[in-house]
Full PDB file with SEQRES, HELIX, SHEET, SSBOND, CRYST1, ORIGX, SCALE, CONECT and MASTER records, all heavy atoms in Angstrom:
SEQRES   1 A   36  ALA GLU PHE LYS ALA GLU LEU GLU ARG ILE MET LYS GLN          
SEQRES   2 A   36  ARG GLN ILE PHE ALA SER GLY LYS LEU ALA ASP SER ILE          
SEQRES   3 A   36  ASN PRO ILE VAL ASP SER ASP GLY LYS LYS                      
HELIX    1 AA1 GLU A    2  GLN A   13  1                                  12    
HELIX    2 AA2 LYS A   21  ASP A   24  1                                   4    
CRYST1    1.000    1.000    1.000  90.00  90.00  90.00 P 1           1          
ORIGX1      1.000000  0.000000  0.000000        0.00000                         
ORIGX2      0.000000  1.000000  0.000000        0.00000                         
ORIGX3      0.000000  0.000000  1.000000        0.00000                         
SCALE1      1.000000  0.000000  0.000000        0.00000                         
SCALE2      0.000000  1.000000  0.000000        0.00000                         
SCALE3      0.000000  0.000000  1.000000        0.00000                         
ATOM      1  N   ALA A   1      56.958  81.299 134.918  1.00  0.00           N  
ATOM      2  CA  ALA A   1      58.084  80.420 135.206  1.00  0.00           C  
ATOM      3  C   ALA A   1      58.694  79.879 133.889  1.00  0.00           C  
ATOM      4  O   ALA A   1      59.941  79.828 133.738  1.00  0.00           O  
ATOM      5  CB  ALA A   1      57.631  79.198 136.036  1.00  0.00           C  
ATOM      6  N   GLU A   2      57.854  79.568 132.908  1.00  0.00           N  
ATOM      7  CA  GLU A   2      58.386  79.026 131.601  1.00  0.00           C  
ATOM      8  C   GLU A   2      59.040  80.159 130.886  1.00  0.00           C  
ATOM      9  O   GLU A   2      60.104  79.898 130.202  1.00  0.00           O  
ATOM     10  CB  GLU A   2      57.195  78.496 130.804  1.00  0.00           C  
ATOM     11  CG  GLU A   2      56.617  77.191 131.345  1.00  0.00           C  
ATOM     12  CD  GLU A   2      55.469  76.664 130.493  1.00  0.00           C  
ATOM     13  OE1 GLU A   2      55.173  77.317 129.488  1.00  0.00           O  
ATOM     14  OE2 GLU A   2      54.887  75.597 130.834  1.00  0.00           O  
ATOM     15  N   PHE A   3      58.549  81.360 130.973  1.00  0.00           N  
ATOM     16  CA  PHE A   3      59.183  82.518 130.246  1.00  0.00           C  
ATOM     17  C   PHE A   3      60.541  82.755 130.859  1.00  0.00           C  
ATOM     18  O   PHE A   3      61.527  82.991 130.139  1.00  0.00           O  
ATOM     19  CB  PHE A   3      58.276  83.723 130.356  1.00  0.00           C  
ATOM     20  CG  PHE A   3      58.782  84.887 129.608  1.00  0.00           C  
ATOM     21  CD1 PHE A   3      59.145  84.795 128.280  1.00  0.00           C  
ATOM     22  CD2 PHE A   3      58.833  86.142 130.185  1.00  0.00           C  
ATOM     23  CE1 PHE A   3      59.632  85.881 127.507  1.00  0.00           C  
ATOM     24  CE2 PHE A   3      59.269  87.262 129.468  1.00  0.00           C  
ATOM     25  CZ  PHE A   3      59.686  87.125 128.167  1.00  0.00           C  
ATOM     26  N   LYS A   4      60.630  82.763 132.141  1.00  0.00           N  
ATOM     27  CA  LYS A   4      61.931  83.034 132.838  1.00  0.00           C  
ATOM     28  C   LYS A   4      62.964  81.958 132.419  1.00  0.00           C  
ATOM     29  O   LYS A   4      64.113  82.228 132.129  1.00  0.00           O  
ATOM     30  CB  LYS A   4      61.743  83.049 134.320  1.00  0.00           C  
ATOM     31  CG  LYS A   4      63.084  83.238 135.068  1.00  0.00           C  
ATOM     32  CD  LYS A   4      62.829  83.280 136.602  1.00  0.00           C  
ATOM     33  CE  LYS A   4      64.203  83.438 137.289  1.00  0.00           C  
ATOM     34  NZ  LYS A   4      63.997  83.551 138.740  1.00  0.00           N  
ATOM     35  N   ALA A   5      62.506  80.692 132.393  1.00  0.00           N  
ATOM     36  CA  ALA A   5      63.378  79.553 132.061  1.00  0.00           C  
ATOM     37  C   ALA A   5      63.866  79.649 130.673  1.00  0.00           C  
ATOM     38  O   ALA A   5      65.035  79.389 130.309  1.00  0.00           O  
ATOM     39  CB  ALA A   5      62.679  78.239 132.280  1.00  0.00           C  
ATOM     40  N   GLU A   6      62.937  80.108 129.737  1.00  0.00           N  
ATOM     41  CA  GLU A   6      63.311  80.183 128.305  1.00  0.00           C  
ATOM     42  C   GLU A   6      64.264  81.390 128.105  1.00  0.00           C  
ATOM     43  O   GLU A   6      65.210  81.290 127.282  1.00  0.00           O  
ATOM     44  CB  GLU A   6      62.062  80.379 127.462  1.00  0.00           C  
ATOM     45  CG  GLU A   6      62.325  80.467 125.939  1.00  0.00           C  
ATOM     46  CD  GLU A   6      62.918  79.199 125.359  1.00  0.00           C  
ATOM     47  OE1 GLU A   6      62.924  78.135 126.078  1.00  0.00           O  
ATOM     48  OE2 GLU A   6      63.400  79.230 124.203  1.00  0.00           O  
ATOM     49  N   LEU A   7      64.044  82.484 128.807  1.00  0.00           N  
ATOM     50  CA  LEU A   7      64.977  83.618 128.748  1.00  0.00           C  
ATOM     51  C   LEU A   7      66.317  83.194 129.174  1.00  0.00           C  
ATOM     52  O   LEU A   7      67.364  83.507 128.457  1.00  0.00           O  
ATOM     53  CB  LEU A   7      64.490  84.788 129.656  1.00  0.00           C  
ATOM     54  CG  LEU A   7      63.418  85.708 129.128  1.00  0.00           C  
ATOM     55  CD1 LEU A   7      62.929  86.666 130.203  1.00  0.00           C  
ATOM     56  CD2 LEU A   7      63.918  86.494 127.920  1.00  0.00           C  
ATOM     57  N   GLU A   8      66.451  82.500 130.253  1.00  0.00           N  
ATOM     58  CA  GLU A   8      67.721  82.022 130.794  1.00  0.00           C  
ATOM     59  C   GLU A   8      68.406  81.066 129.825  1.00  0.00           C  
ATOM     60  O   GLU A   8      69.619  81.144 129.650  1.00  0.00           O  
ATOM     61  CB  GLU A   8      67.560  81.459 132.179  1.00  0.00           C  
ATOM     62  CG  GLU A   8      67.149  82.392 133.219  1.00  0.00           C  
ATOM     63  CD  GLU A   8      66.831  81.754 134.561  1.00  0.00           C  
ATOM     64  OE1 GLU A   8      66.540  80.540 134.568  1.00  0.00           O  
ATOM     65  OE2 GLU A   8      66.880  82.482 135.619  1.00  0.00           O  
ATOM     66  N   ARG A   9      67.643  80.172 129.222  1.00  0.00           N  
ATOM     67  CA  ARG A   9      68.191  79.202 128.269  1.00  0.00           C  
ATOM     68  C   ARG A   9      68.784  79.912 127.065  1.00  0.00           C  
ATOM     69  O   ARG A   9      69.866  79.648 126.631  1.00  0.00           O  
ATOM     70  CB  ARG A   9      67.072  78.237 127.803  1.00  0.00           C  
ATOM     71  CG  ARG A   9      67.595  77.134 126.891  1.00  0.00           C  
ATOM     72  CD  ARG A   9      66.492  76.346 126.270  1.00  0.00           C  
ATOM     73  NE  ARG A   9      65.796  77.137 125.252  1.00  0.00           N  
ATOM     74  CZ  ARG A   9      66.285  77.334 123.989  1.00  0.00           C  
ATOM     75  NH1 ARG A   9      67.470  76.784 123.624  1.00  0.00           N  
ATOM     76  NH2 ARG A   9      65.643  78.046 123.094  1.00  0.00           N  
ATOM     77  N   ILE A  10      68.001  80.884 126.487  1.00  0.00           N  
ATOM     78  CA  ILE A  10      68.490  81.607 125.283  1.00  0.00           C  
ATOM     79  C   ILE A  10      69.695  82.429 125.592  1.00  0.00           C  
ATOM     80  O   ILE A  10      70.627  82.504 124.852  1.00  0.00           O  
ATOM     81  CB  ILE A  10      67.332  82.462 124.709  1.00  0.00           C  
ATOM     82  CG1 ILE A  10      66.244  81.560 124.146  1.00  0.00           C  
ATOM     83  CG2 ILE A  10      67.875  83.333 123.593  1.00  0.00           C  
ATOM     84  CD1 ILE A  10      65.084  82.305 123.540  1.00  0.00           C  
ATOM     85  N   MET A  11      69.677  83.114 126.801  1.00  0.00           N  
ATOM     86  CA  MET A  11      70.773  83.913 127.200  1.00  0.00           C  
ATOM     87  C   MET A  11      72.051  83.133 127.327  1.00  0.00           C  
ATOM     88  O   MET A  11      73.149  83.508 126.910  1.00  0.00           O  
ATOM     89  CB  MET A  11      70.468  84.669 128.535  1.00  0.00           C  
ATOM     90  CG  MET A  11      69.362  85.677 128.371  1.00  0.00           C  
ATOM     91  SD  MET A  11      68.837  86.410 129.947  1.00  0.00           S  
ATOM     92  CE  MET A  11      70.177  87.519 130.282  1.00  0.00           C  
ATOM     93  N   LYS A  12      71.940  81.893 127.889  1.00  0.00           N  
ATOM     94  CA  LYS A  12      73.090  81.026 128.031  1.00  0.00           C  
ATOM     95  C   LYS A  12      73.541  80.530 126.667  1.00  0.00           C  
ATOM     96  O   LYS A  12      74.730  80.493 126.359  1.00  0.00           O  
ATOM     97  CB  LYS A  12      72.718  79.834 128.878  1.00  0.00           C  
ATOM     98  CG  LYS A  12      73.904  78.889 129.155  1.00  0.00           C  
ATOM     99  CD  LYS A  12      73.561  77.766 130.077  1.00  0.00           C  
ATOM    100  CE  LYS A  12      74.692  76.836 130.337  1.00  0.00           C  
ATOM    101  NZ  LYS A  12      74.330  75.750 131.252  1.00  0.00           N  
ATOM    102  N   GLN A  13      72.630  80.187 125.802  1.00  0.00           N  
ATOM    103  CA  GLN A  13      72.958  79.686 124.475  1.00  0.00           C  
ATOM    104  C   GLN A  13      73.614  80.720 123.653  1.00  0.00           C  
ATOM    105  O   GLN A  13      74.576  80.442 122.901  1.00  0.00           O  
ATOM    106  CB  GLN A  13      71.633  79.273 123.743  1.00  0.00           C  
ATOM    107  CG  GLN A  13      71.833  78.726 122.362  1.00  0.00           C  
ATOM    108  CD  GLN A  13      70.523  78.503 121.631  1.00  0.00           C  
ATOM    109  OE1 GLN A  13      69.709  79.418 121.423  1.00  0.00           O  
ATOM    110  NE2 GLN A  13      70.210  77.224 121.263  1.00  0.00           N  
ATOM    111  N   ARG A  14      73.223  81.959 123.749  1.00  0.00           N  
ATOM    112  CA  ARG A  14      73.765  83.082 122.980  1.00  0.00           C  
ATOM    113  C   ARG A  14      74.842  83.848 123.720  1.00  0.00           C  
ATOM    114  O   ARG A  14      75.296  84.873 123.274  1.00  0.00           O  
ATOM    115  CB  ARG A  14      72.634  84.027 122.490  1.00  0.00           C  
ATOM    116  CG  ARG A  14      71.593  83.291 121.650  1.00  0.00           C  
ATOM    117  CD  ARG A  14      70.460  84.166 121.209  1.00  0.00           C  
ATOM    118  NE  ARG A  14      69.445  83.373 120.548  1.00  0.00           N  
ATOM    119  CZ  ARG A  14      68.282  83.821 120.086  1.00  0.00           C  
ATOM    120  NH1 ARG A  14      67.990  85.121 120.175  1.00  0.00           N  
ATOM    121  NH2 ARG A  14      67.428  83.017 119.534  1.00  0.00           N  
ATOM    122  N   GLN A  15      75.217  83.228 124.821  1.00  0.00           N  
ATOM    123  CA  GLN A  15      76.335  83.831 125.653  1.00  0.00           C  
ATOM    124  C   GLN A  15      76.058  85.270 126.072  1.00  0.00           C  
ATOM    125  O   GLN A  15      76.904  86.128 126.005  1.00  0.00           O  
ATOM    126  CB  GLN A  15      77.688  83.681 124.919  1.00  0.00           C  
ATOM    127  CG  GLN A  15      78.025  82.288 124.626  1.00  0.00           C  
ATOM    128  CD  GLN A  15      79.400  82.146 123.985  1.00  0.00           C  
ATOM    129  OE1 GLN A  15      79.882  83.075 123.327  1.00  0.00           O  
ATOM    130  NE2 GLN A  15      80.032  80.991 124.139  1.00  0.00           N  
ATOM    131  N   ILE A  16      74.843  85.504 126.541  1.00  0.00           N  
ATOM    132  CA  ILE A  16      74.444  86.817 127.061  1.00  0.00           C  
ATOM    133  C   ILE A  16      74.446  86.729 128.537  1.00  0.00           C  
ATOM    134  O   ILE A  16      73.384  86.712 129.198  1.00  0.00           O  
ATOM    135  CB  ILE A  16      73.043  87.255 126.539  1.00  0.00           C  
ATOM    136  CG1 ILE A  16      72.966  87.057 125.026  1.00  0.00           C  
ATOM    137  CG2 ILE A  16      72.739  88.656 126.932  1.00  0.00           C  
ATOM    138  CD1 ILE A  16      71.556  87.209 124.515  1.00  0.00           C  
ATOM    139  N   PHE A  17      75.649  86.674 129.127  1.00  0.00           N  
ATOM    140  CA  PHE A  17      75.635  86.549 130.621  1.00  0.00           C  
ATOM    141  C   PHE A  17      76.490  87.628 131.269  1.00  0.00           C  
ATOM    142  O   PHE A  17      76.166  88.124 132.291  1.00  0.00           O  
ATOM    143  CB  PHE A  17      76.149  85.163 131.039  1.00  0.00           C  
ATOM    144  CG  PHE A  17      77.146  84.507 130.157  1.00  0.00           C  
ATOM    145  CD1 PHE A  17      78.522  84.975 130.185  1.00  0.00           C  
ATOM    146  CD2 PHE A  17      76.809  83.534 129.269  1.00  0.00           C  
ATOM    147  CE1 PHE A  17      79.452  84.374 129.383  1.00  0.00           C  
ATOM    148  CE2 PHE A  17      77.763  82.922 128.520  1.00  0.00           C  
ATOM    149  CZ  PHE A  17      79.090  83.359 128.534  1.00  0.00           C  
ATOM    150  N   ALA A  18      77.617  87.998 130.661  1.00  0.00           N  
ATOM    151  CA  ALA A  18      78.428  89.068 131.258  1.00  0.00           C  
ATOM    152  C   ALA A  18      78.583  88.897 132.750  1.00  0.00           C  
ATOM    153  O   ALA A  18      79.067  87.921 133.251  1.00  0.00           O  
ATOM    154  CB  ALA A  18      77.933  90.498 130.852  1.00  0.00           C  
ATOM    155  N   SER A  19      77.975  89.841 133.516  1.00  0.00           N  
ATOM    156  CA  SER A  19      78.080  89.734 134.987  1.00  0.00           C  
ATOM    157  C   SER A  19      77.030  88.818 135.583  1.00  0.00           C  
ATOM    158  O   SER A  19      77.106  88.377 136.715  1.00  0.00           O  
ATOM    159  CB  SER A  19      77.841  91.139 135.623  1.00  0.00           C  
ATOM    160  OG  SER A  19      76.529  91.606 135.377  1.00  0.00           O  
ATOM    161  N   GLY A  20      76.017  88.455 134.777  1.00  0.00           N  
ATOM    162  CA  GLY A  20      74.961  87.588 135.263  1.00  0.00           C  
ATOM    163  C   GLY A  20      73.843  88.306 135.973  1.00  0.00           C  
ATOM    164  O   GLY A  20      72.794  87.759 136.303  1.00  0.00           O  
ATOM    165  N   LYS A  21      73.984  89.628 136.126  1.00  0.00           N  
ATOM    166  CA  LYS A  21      72.982  90.420 136.847  1.00  0.00           C  
ATOM    167  C   LYS A  21      71.660  90.496 136.049  1.00  0.00           C  
ATOM    168  O   LYS A  21      70.569  90.529 136.650  1.00  0.00           O  
ATOM    169  CB  LYS A  21      73.505  91.835 137.096  1.00  0.00           C  
ATOM    170  CG  LYS A  21      74.653  91.880 138.040  1.00  0.00           C  
ATOM    171  CD  LYS A  21      75.156  93.308 138.234  1.00  0.00           C  
ATOM    172  CE  LYS A  21      76.368  93.346 139.193  1.00  0.00           C  
ATOM    173  NZ  LYS A  21      76.897  94.680 139.390  1.00  0.00           N  
ATOM    174  N   LEU A  22      71.723  90.517 134.698  1.00  0.00           N  
ATOM    175  CA  LEU A  22      70.467  90.620 133.921  1.00  0.00           C  
ATOM    176  C   LEU A  22      69.608  89.368 134.091  1.00  0.00           C  
ATOM    177  O   LEU A  22      68.451  89.474 134.325  1.00  0.00           O  
ATOM    178  CB  LEU A  22      70.811  90.859 132.441  1.00  0.00           C  
ATOM    179  CG  LEU A  22      69.647  91.026 131.495  1.00  0.00           C  
ATOM    180  CD1 LEU A  22      68.831  92.272 131.927  1.00  0.00           C  
ATOM    181  CD2 LEU A  22      70.097  91.182 130.074  1.00  0.00           C  
ATOM    182  N   ALA A  23      70.259  88.199 133.984  1.00  0.00           N  
ATOM    183  CA  ALA A  23      69.482  86.975 134.236  1.00  0.00           C  
ATOM    184  C   ALA A  23      68.951  86.847 135.632  1.00  0.00           C  
ATOM    185  O   ALA A  23      67.816  86.412 135.818  1.00  0.00           O  
ATOM    186  CB  ALA A  23      70.398  85.791 133.944  1.00  0.00           C  
ATOM    187  N   ASP A  24      69.758  87.295 136.586  1.00  0.00           N  
ATOM    188  CA  ASP A  24      69.337  87.213 137.994  1.00  0.00           C  
ATOM    189  C   ASP A  24      68.112  88.141 138.277  1.00  0.00           C  
ATOM    190  O   ASP A  24      67.407  87.953 139.257  1.00  0.00           O  
ATOM    191  CB  ASP A  24      70.475  87.561 138.918  1.00  0.00           C  
ATOM    192  CG  ASP A  24      71.577  86.448 138.954  1.00  0.00           C  
ATOM    193  OD1 ASP A  24      71.298  85.341 138.498  1.00  0.00           O  
ATOM    194  OD2 ASP A  24      72.675  86.802 139.355  1.00  0.00           O  
ATOM    195  N   SER A  25      67.966  89.179 137.446  1.00  0.00           N  
ATOM    196  CA  SER A  25      66.916  90.177 137.696  1.00  0.00           C  
ATOM    197  C   SER A  25      65.541  89.735 137.174  1.00  0.00           C  
ATOM    198  O   SER A  25      64.552  90.424 137.520  1.00  0.00           O  
ATOM    199  CB  SER A  25      67.294  91.518 137.042  1.00  0.00           C  
ATOM    200  OG  SER A  25      67.154  91.449 135.607  1.00  0.00           O  
ATOM    201  N   ILE A  26      65.412  88.669 136.408  1.00  0.00           N  
ATOM    202  CA  ILE A  26      64.174  88.268 135.855  1.00  0.00           C  
ATOM    203  C   ILE A  26      63.223  87.816 136.950  1.00  0.00           C  
ATOM    204  O   ILE A  26      63.559  86.847 137.756  1.00  0.00           O  
ATOM    205  CB  ILE A  26      64.350  87.105 134.853  1.00  0.00           C  
ATOM    206  CG1 ILE A  26      65.358  87.504 133.730  1.00  0.00           C  
ATOM    207  CG2 ILE A  26      63.005  86.696 134.257  1.00  0.00           C  
ATOM    208  CD1 ILE A  26      65.763  86.363 132.884  1.00  0.00           C  
ATOM    209  N   ASN A  27      62.137  88.465 137.098  1.00  0.00           N  
ATOM    210  CA  ASN A  27      61.172  88.106 138.159  1.00  0.00           C  
ATOM    211  C   ASN A  27      59.724  88.222 137.720  1.00  0.00           C  
ATOM    212  O   ASN A  27      59.160  89.307 137.641  1.00  0.00           O  
ATOM    213  CB  ASN A  27      61.416  89.089 139.350  1.00  0.00           C  
ATOM    214  CG  ASN A  27      60.592  88.741 140.561  1.00  0.00           C  
ATOM    215  OD1 ASN A  27      60.209  87.525 140.763  1.00  0.00           O  
ATOM    216  ND2 ASN A  27      60.318  89.696 141.389  1.00  0.00           N  
ATOM    217  N   PRO A  28      59.053  87.090 137.421  1.00  0.00           N  
ATOM    218  CA  PRO A  28      57.692  87.096 137.078  1.00  0.00           C  
ATOM    219  C   PRO A  28      56.771  87.273 138.306  1.00  0.00           C  
ATOM    220  O   PRO A  28      56.976  86.584 139.328  1.00  0.00           O  
ATOM    221  CB  PRO A  28      57.449  85.702 136.400  1.00  0.00           C  
ATOM    222  CG  PRO A  28      58.818  85.089 136.302  1.00  0.00           C  
ATOM    223  CD  PRO A  28      59.629  85.737 137.357  1.00  0.00           C  
ATOM    224  N   ILE A  29      55.789  88.131 138.219  1.00  0.00           N  
ATOM    225  CA  ILE A  29      54.893  88.351 139.383  1.00  0.00           C  
ATOM    226  C   ILE A  29      53.430  88.326 138.874  1.00  0.00           C  
ATOM    227  O   ILE A  29      53.168  89.084 137.928  1.00  0.00           O  
ATOM    228  CB  ILE A  29      55.163  89.766 140.032  1.00  0.00           C  
ATOM    229  CG1 ILE A  29      56.605  89.837 140.469  1.00  0.00           C  
ATOM    230  CG2 ILE A  29      54.201  89.972 141.221  1.00  0.00           C  
ATOM    231  CD1 ILE A  29      57.036  91.218 140.929  1.00  0.00           C  
ATOM    232  N   VAL A  30      52.588  87.579 139.491  1.00  0.00           N  
ATOM    233  CA  VAL A  30      51.178  87.527 139.205  1.00  0.00           C  
ATOM    234  C   VAL A  30      50.380  88.358 140.231  1.00  0.00           C  
ATOM    235  O   VAL A  30      50.634  88.211 141.435  1.00  0.00           O  
ATOM    236  CB  VAL A  30      50.615  86.082 139.203  1.00  0.00           C  
ATOM    237  CG1 VAL A  30      49.123  86.035 138.932  1.00  0.00           C  
ATOM    238  CG2 VAL A  30      51.365  85.279 138.134  1.00  0.00           C  
ATOM    239  N   ASP A  31      49.576  89.283 139.805  1.00  0.00           N  
ATOM    240  CA  ASP A  31      48.811  90.091 140.741  1.00  0.00           C  
ATOM    241  C   ASP A  31      47.915  89.205 141.595  1.00  0.00           C  
ATOM    242  O   ASP A  31      47.526  88.051 141.205  1.00  0.00           O  
ATOM    243  CB  ASP A  31      47.955  91.142 139.946  1.00  0.00           C  
ATOM    244  CG  ASP A  31      48.786  92.295 139.541  1.00  0.00           C  
ATOM    245  OD1 ASP A  31      50.044  92.219 139.588  1.00  0.00           O  
ATOM    246  OD2 ASP A  31      48.193  93.288 139.144  1.00  0.00           O  
ATOM    247  N   SER A  32      47.477  89.746 142.717  1.00  0.00           N  
ATOM    248  CA  SER A  32      46.647  89.033 143.682  1.00  0.00           C  
ATOM    249  C   SER A  32      45.342  88.600 143.077  1.00  0.00           C  
ATOM    250  O   SER A  32      44.776  87.552 143.528  1.00  0.00           O  
ATOM    251  CB  SER A  32      46.369  89.873 144.928  1.00  0.00           C  
ATOM    252  OG  SER A  32      45.751  91.088 144.602  1.00  0.00           O  
ATOM    253  N   ASP A  33      44.825  89.316 142.098  1.00  0.00           N  
ATOM    254  CA  ASP A  33      43.505  88.928 141.499  1.00  0.00           C  
ATOM    255  C   ASP A  33      43.675  87.897 140.393  1.00  0.00           C  
ATOM    256  O   ASP A  33      42.727  87.430 139.814  1.00  0.00           O  
ATOM    257  CB  ASP A  33      42.782  90.161 140.968  1.00  0.00           C  
ATOM    258  CG  ASP A  33      43.540  90.881 139.823  1.00  0.00           C  
ATOM    259  OD1 ASP A  33      44.629  90.369 139.451  1.00  0.00           O  
ATOM    260  OD2 ASP A  33      43.055  91.959 139.424  1.00  0.00           O  
ATOM    261  N   GLY A  34      44.981  87.583 140.116  1.00  0.00           N  
ATOM    262  CA  GLY A  34      45.241  86.497 139.148  1.00  0.00           C  
ATOM    263  C   GLY A  34      44.958  86.876 137.666  1.00  0.00           C  
ATOM    264  O   GLY A  34      44.857  86.052 136.809  1.00  0.00           O  
ATOM    265  N   LYS A  35      44.912  88.184 137.413  1.00  0.00           N  
ATOM    266  CA  LYS A  35      44.550  88.634 136.060  1.00  0.00           C  
ATOM    267  C   LYS A  35      45.699  89.316 135.315  1.00  0.00           C  
ATOM    268  O   LYS A  35      45.569  89.629 134.181  1.00  0.00           O  
ATOM    269  CB  LYS A  35      43.375  89.603 136.166  1.00  0.00           C  
ATOM    270  CG  LYS A  35      42.114  88.980 136.635  1.00  0.00           C  
ATOM    271  CD  LYS A  35      40.955  90.007 136.704  1.00  0.00           C  
ATOM    272  CE  LYS A  35      39.685  89.380 137.218  1.00  0.00           C  
ATOM    273  NZ  LYS A  35      38.557  90.321 137.235  1.00  0.00           N  
ATOM    274  N   LYS A  36      46.815  89.544 135.966  1.00  0.00           N  
ATOM    275  CA  LYS A  36      47.911  90.215 135.279  1.00  0.00           C  
ATOM    276  C   LYS A  36      49.286  89.609 135.665  1.00  0.00           C  
ATOM    277  O   LYS A  36      49.541  89.416 136.826  1.00  0.00           O  
ATOM    278  CB  LYS A  36      47.919  91.703 135.602  1.00  0.00           C  
ATOM    279  CG  LYS A  36      49.010  92.491 134.904  1.00  0.00           C  
ATOM    280  CD  LYS A  36      48.836  93.973 135.077  1.00  0.00           C  
ATOM    281  CE  LYS A  36      49.039  94.455 136.415  1.00  0.00           C  
ATOM    282  NZ  LYS A  36      48.993  95.924 136.603  1.00  0.00           N  
TER     283      LYS A  36                                                      
MASTER        0    0    0    2    0    0    0    6  282    1    0    3          
END                                                                             
């Protein structure tokens, strides 16, 4: 969650938004065993 938020913050700060699809695609997923 923190990585996604920081990516979005930097992208906004550096005006990397264009269509916004790249920022919307960020999706952190933790495996069911909690190890990855």
